[in-house]
C-alpha atoms as a PDB file:
ATOM      1  CA  MET A   1     114.969 -46.324 -42.578  1.00  0.00           C
ATOM      2  CA  LYS A   2     114.678 -48.244 -39.309  1.00  0.00           C
ATOM      3  CA  THR A   3     116.746 -51.413 -39.365  1.00  0.00           C
ATOM      4  CA  ASP A   4     114.006 -53.443 -37.668  1.00  0.00           C
ATOM      5  CA  GLN A   5     111.401 -52.322 -40.217  1.00  0.00           C
ATOM      6  CA  PRO A   6     110.252 -55.283 -42.339  1.00  0.00           C
ATOM      7  CA  SER A   7     110.843 -54.690 -46.039  1.00  0.00           C
ATOM      8  CA  PHE A   8     110.442 -56.638 -49.273  1.00  0.00           C
ATOM      9  CA  ARG A   9     112.236 -56.888 -52.567  1.00  0.00           C
ATOM     10  CA  LEU A  10     110.015 -56.221 -55.559  1.00  0.00           C
ATOM     11  CA  ASP A  11     110.137 -59.922 -56.477  1.00  0.00           C
ATOM     12  CA  ALA A  12     109.255 -61.156 -52.974  1.00  0.00           C
ATOM     13  CA  PRO A  13     106.764 -64.037 -53.094  1.00  0.00           C
ATOM     14  CA  LEU A  14     103.292 -62.959 -52.046  1.00  0.00           C
ATOM     15  CA  GLU A  15     103.307 -65.778 -49.510  1.00  0.00           C
ATOM     16  CA  THR A  16     106.281 -64.093 -47.793  1.00  0.00           C
ATOM     17  CA  VAL A  17     104.544 -60.714 -47.866  1.00  0.00           C
ATOM     18  CA  PHE A  18     101.390 -62.091 -46.223  1.00  0.00           C
ATOM     19  CA  ALA A  19     103.365 -63.969 -43.542  1.00  0.00           C
ATOM     20  CA  THR A  20     105.454 -60.904 -42.714  1.00  0.00           C
ATOM     21  CA  VAL A  21     102.449 -58.577 -42.576  1.00  0.00           C
ATOM     22  CA  ALA A  22     100.533 -61.040 -40.395  1.00  0.00           C
ATOM     23  CA  HIS A  23     103.336 -61.205 -37.822  1.00  0.00           C
ATOM     24  CA  SER A  24     104.282 -57.529 -37.747  1.00  0.00           C
ATOM     25  CA  ALA A  25     102.930 -54.478 -35.963  1.00  0.00           C
ATOM     26  CA  ALA A  26     104.091 -52.293 -38.868  1.00  0.00           C
ATOM     27  CA  VAL A  27     101.535 -50.504 -41.059  1.00  0.00           C
ATOM     28  CA  TYR A  28     103.851 -49.924 -44.010  1.00  0.00           C
ATOM     29  CA  PHE A  29     106.500 -52.077 -45.661  1.00  0.00           C
ATOM     30  CA  PRO A  30     109.244 -50.584 -47.836  1.00  0.00           C
ATOM     31  CA  VAL A  31     109.893 -52.241 -51.194  1.00  0.00           C
ATOM     32  CA  VAL A  32     113.616 -52.219 -51.970  1.00  0.00           C
ATOM     33  CA  ASP A  33     115.918 -53.139 -54.836  1.00  0.00           C
ATOM     34  CA  ASP A  34     118.850 -55.577 -54.672  1.00  0.00           C
ATOM     35  CA  ASP A  35     121.000 -52.884 -53.036  1.00  0.00           C
ATOM     36  CA  ALA A  36     118.337 -52.140 -50.376  1.00  0.00           C
ATOM     37  CA  ARG A  37     117.508 -48.778 -51.997  1.00  0.00           C
ATOM     38  CA  PRO A  38     113.839 -47.854 -51.541  1.00  0.00           C
ATOM     39  CA  LEU A  39     111.613 -48.286 -54.580  1.00  0.00           C
ATOM     40  CA  GLY A  40     108.262 -47.790 -52.936  1.00  0.00           C
ATOM     41  CA  VAL A  41     106.057 -48.870 -50.078  1.00  0.00           C
ATOM     42  CA  VAL A  42     103.244 -51.354 -49.517  1.00  0.00           C
ATOM     43  CA  THR A  43     100.755 -50.110 -46.931  1.00  0.00           C
ATOM     44  CA  LEU A  44      98.114 -52.029 -45.040  1.00  0.00           C
ATOM     45  CA  GLU A  45      95.553 -49.733 -46.651  1.00  0.00           C
ATOM     46  CA  GLY A  46      96.873 -50.574 -50.127  1.00  0.00           C
ATOM     47  CA  LEU A  47      96.997 -54.277 -49.330  1.00  0.00           C
ATOM     48  CA  LYS A  48      93.383 -54.258 -48.125  1.00  0.00           C
ATOM     49  CA  ALA A  49      92.300 -52.277 -51.202  1.00  0.00           C
ATOM     50  CA  THR A  50      93.981 -54.800 -53.513  1.00  0.00           C
ATOM     51  CA  LEU A  51      92.492 -57.798 -51.725  1.00  0.00           C
ATOM     52  CA  SER A  52      89.015 -56.276 -51.805  1.00  0.00           C
ATOM     53  CA  LEU A  53      88.905 -56.083 -55.623  1.00  0.00           C
ATOM     54  CA  PRO A  54      86.375 -58.718 -56.760  1.00  0.00           C
ATOM     55  CA  ASP A  55      88.512 -60.165 -59.556  1.00  0.00           C
ATOM     56  CA  VAL A  56      91.883 -59.811 -57.856  1.00  0.00           C
ATOM     57  CA  GLY A  57      91.443 -60.760 -54.193  1.00  0.00           C
ATOM     58  CA  PRO A  58      90.198 -64.328 -54.737  1.00  0.00           C
ATOM     59  CA  PHE A  59      92.889 -64.948 -57.381  1.00  0.00           C
ATOM     60  CA  LEU A  60      95.659 -63.693 -55.104  1.00  0.00           C
ATOM     61  CA  LEU A  61      94.484 -65.765 -52.168  1.00  0.00           C
ATOM     62  CA  ASP A  62      94.176 -68.996 -54.155  1.00  0.00           C
ATOM     63  CA  ALA A  63      96.945 -71.200 -52.704  1.00  0.00           C
ATOM     64  CA  PRO A  64      98.487 -72.375 -56.013  1.00  0.00           C
ATOM     65  CA  HIS A  65      98.821 -68.786 -57.220  1.00  0.00           C
ATOM     66  CA  ALA A  66      99.976 -67.156 -53.977  1.00  0.00           C
ATOM     67  CA  ALA A  67     103.310 -68.976 -53.934  1.00  0.00           C
ATOM     68  CA  LEU A  68     104.080 -67.805 -57.487  1.00  0.00           C
ATOM     69  CA  LEU A  69     103.074 -64.170 -57.275  1.00  0.00           C
ATOM     70  CA  SER A  70     105.235 -61.308 -56.103  1.00  0.00           C
ATOM     71  CA  THR A  71     104.669 -57.819 -54.740  1.00  0.00           C
ATOM     72  CA  SER A  72     104.171 -56.643 -58.314  1.00  0.00           C
ATOM     73  CA  TRP A  73     100.472 -57.545 -57.872  1.00  0.00           C
ATOM     74  CA  LEU A  74     100.146 -55.232 -54.896  1.00  0.00           C
ATOM     75  CA  GLU A  75      99.678 -51.508 -54.877  1.00  0.00           C
ATOM     76  CA  VAL A  76     103.244 -50.274 -54.411  1.00  0.00           C
ATOM     77  CA  THR A  77     103.471 -46.527 -53.990  1.00  0.00           C
ATOM     78  CA  ALA A  78     106.689 -45.326 -55.626  1.00  0.00           C
ATOM     79  CA  CYS A  79     109.212 -43.430 -53.516  1.00  0.00           C
ATOM     80  CA  ARG A  80     111.033 -42.012 -56.518  1.00  0.00           C
ATOM     81  CA  PRO A  81     109.311 -40.249 -59.429  1.00  0.00           C
ATOM     82  CA  ASP A  82     111.438 -42.111 -62.009  1.00  0.00           C
ATOM     83  CA  LEU A  83     109.853 -45.466 -61.144  1.00  0.00           C
END
């Protein structure tokens, strides 16, 4: 994995995810465990798909909720079949 590639822990606050995505040219963002081992990936396509869901997008973007939510709400494509 590139060392300059932005990545997130699975429990990263959604607010951090949005800020990182907004300020990055990357189109995918690895999701890693505490030892920086890859668990999956969040893609721009997956992020847009999640935000476009009528019941999910508005909830995720509501300021009081966004600070409390983590990447677990996003579509994370697993890298390993055991996840």
